Amino acid sequence: MDDYAHLDLDEIDFAPVEYDEERLPLLTLGEAHALLRVLRTVATEGGPVAGEADGLSKEIAARIPSEN
């Protein structure tokens, strides 16, 4: 049993999500840099997905301009 089994999802107030809002088909440069930071953090901290996060961070870094 996980620690969340006692939660009733019908009783939780979730943040509203706009499903009819159009999204860009690609990440903005800022979003790509934010994702890269998250992936590098996951890769550095280790864990079961660290290797995949490291590989993805290298692929994204090779495809976007640097922040500087």
C-alpha atoms as a PDB file:
ATOM      1  CA  MET A   1       0.000   0.000   0.000  1.00  0.00           C
ATOM      2  CA  ASP A   2       1.410   3.408  -0.923  1.00  0.00           C
ATOM      3  CA  ASP A   3       1.168   6.535   1.200  1.00  0.00           C
ATOM      4  CA  TYR A   4      -1.571   7.993  -0.990  1.00  0.00           C
ATOM      5  CA  ALA A   5      -4.161   5.218  -0.766  1.00  0.00           C
ATOM      6  CA  HIS A   6      -6.066   7.133   1.912  1.00  0.00           C
ATOM      7  CA  LEU A   7      -6.645  10.168  -0.334  1.00  0.00           C
ATOM      8  CA  ASP A   8     -10.020  10.676  -1.967  1.00  0.00           C
ATOM      9  CA  LEU A   9      -9.338  12.361  -5.310  1.00  0.00           C
ATOM     10  CA  ASP A  10     -12.889  13.720  -5.391  1.00  0.00           C
ATOM     11  CA  GLU A  11     -12.091  15.736  -2.261  1.00  0.00           C
ATOM     12  CA  ILE A  12      -8.896  17.376  -3.571  1.00  0.00           C
ATOM     13  CA  ASP A  13      -9.018  20.835  -5.163  1.00  0.00           C
ATOM     14  CA  PHE A  14      -6.817  20.669  -8.252  1.00  0.00           C
ATOM     15  CA  ALA A  15      -5.600  23.727 -10.132  1.00  0.00           C
ATOM     16  CA  PRO A  16      -7.880  24.517 -13.065  1.00  0.00           C
ATOM     17  CA  VAL A  17      -6.579  23.481 -16.471  1.00  0.00           C
ATOM     18  CA  GLU A  18      -7.652  25.145 -19.690  1.00  0.00           C
ATOM     19  CA  TYR A  19      -8.137  22.322 -22.186  1.00  0.00           C
ATOM     20  CA  ASP A  20      -9.360  24.574 -24.968  1.00  0.00           C
ATOM     21  CA  GLU A  21      -6.221  26.731 -24.934  1.00  0.00           C
ATOM     22  CA  GLU A  22      -4.061  26.212 -28.012  1.00  0.00           C
ATOM     23  CA  ARG A  23      -0.505  25.105 -27.312  1.00  0.00           C
ATOM     24  CA  LEU A  24       2.566  25.677 -29.433  1.00  0.00           C
ATOM     25  CA  PRO A  25       3.673  22.541 -31.296  1.00  0.00           C
ATOM     26  CA  LEU A  26       7.271  23.107 -30.107  1.00  0.00           C
ATOM     27  CA  LEU A  27       8.817  24.246 -26.849  1.00  0.00           C
ATOM     28  CA  THR A  28       9.827  27.869 -26.558  1.00  0.00           C
ATOM     29  CA  LEU A  29      13.527  28.466 -25.974  1.00  0.00           C
ATOM     30  CA  GLY A  30      12.793  29.332 -22.345  1.00  0.00           C
ATOM     31  CA  GLU A  31      10.809  26.111 -21.868  1.00  0.00           C
ATOM     32  CA  ALA A  32      13.613  24.098 -23.450  1.00  0.00           C
ATOM     33  CA  HIS A  33      16.164  25.615 -21.065  1.00  0.00           C
ATOM     34  CA  ALA A  34      13.881  24.944 -18.075  1.00  0.00           C
ATOM     35  CA  LEU A  35      13.464  21.323 -19.167  1.00  0.00           C
ATOM     36  CA  LEU A  36      17.214  21.010 -19.620  1.00  0.00           C
ATOM     37  CA  ARG A  37      17.798  22.247 -16.041  1.00  0.00           C
ATOM     38  CA  VAL A  38      15.303  19.705 -14.682  1.00  0.00           C
ATOM     39  CA  LEU A  39      16.857  16.848 -16.649  1.00  0.00           C
ATOM     40  CA  ARG A  40      20.368  17.780 -15.514  1.00  0.00           C
ATOM     41  CA  THR A  41      19.180  17.897 -11.897  1.00  0.00           C
ATOM     42  CA  VAL A  42      17.589  14.447 -12.187  1.00  0.00           C
ATOM     43  CA  ALA A  43      20.735  13.082 -13.830  1.00  0.00           C
ATOM     44  CA  THR A  44      22.953  14.542 -11.099  1.00  0.00           C
ATOM     45  CA  GLU A  45      20.829  13.290  -8.200  1.00  0.00           C
ATOM     46  CA  GLY A  46      20.883   9.716  -9.491  1.00  0.00           C
ATOM     47  CA  GLY A  47      18.102   7.207  -9.259  1.00  0.00           C
ATOM     48  CA  PRO A  48      16.396   4.836 -11.676  1.00  0.00           C
ATOM     49  CA  VAL A  49      15.948   7.393 -14.476  1.00  0.00           C
ATOM     50  CA  ALA A  50      19.245   9.262 -14.091  1.00  0.00           C
ATOM     51  CA  GLY A  51      20.800   7.640 -17.153  1.00  0.00           C
ATOM     52  CA  GLU A  52      17.841   8.466 -19.359  1.00  0.00           C
ATOM     53  CA  ALA A  53      17.726  12.036 -18.018  1.00  0.00           C
ATOM     54  CA  ASP A  54      21.440  12.420 -18.768  1.00  0.00           C
ATOM     55  CA  GLY A  55      21.012  11.205 -22.347  1.00  0.00           C
ATOM     56  CA  LEU A  56      18.001  13.425 -22.976  1.00  0.00           C
ATOM     57  CA  SER A  57      19.735  16.461 -21.481  1.00  0.00           C
ATOM     58  CA  LYS A  58      22.668  15.979 -23.863  1.00  0.00           C
ATOM     59  CA  GLU A  59      20.321  15.664 -26.855  1.00  0.00           C
ATOM     60  CA  ILE A  60      18.393  18.805 -25.927  1.00  0.00           C
ATOM     61  CA  ALA A  61      21.594  20.760 -25.184  1.00  0.00           C
ATOM     62  CA  ALA A  62      22.916  19.858 -28.642  1.00  0.00           C
ATOM     63  CA  ARG A  63      19.766  21.169 -30.332  1.00  0.00           C
ATOM     64  CA  ILE A  64      19.207  24.532 -28.635  1.00  0.00           C
ATOM     65  CA  PRO A  65      21.279  27.702 -28.366  1.00  0.00           C
ATOM     66  CA  SER A  66      22.956  28.360 -25.024  1.00  0.00           C
ATOM     67  CA  GLU A  67      21.317  30.676 -22.505  1.00  0.00           C
ATOM     68  CA  ASN A  68      24.263  33.081 -22.546  1.00  0.00           C
END
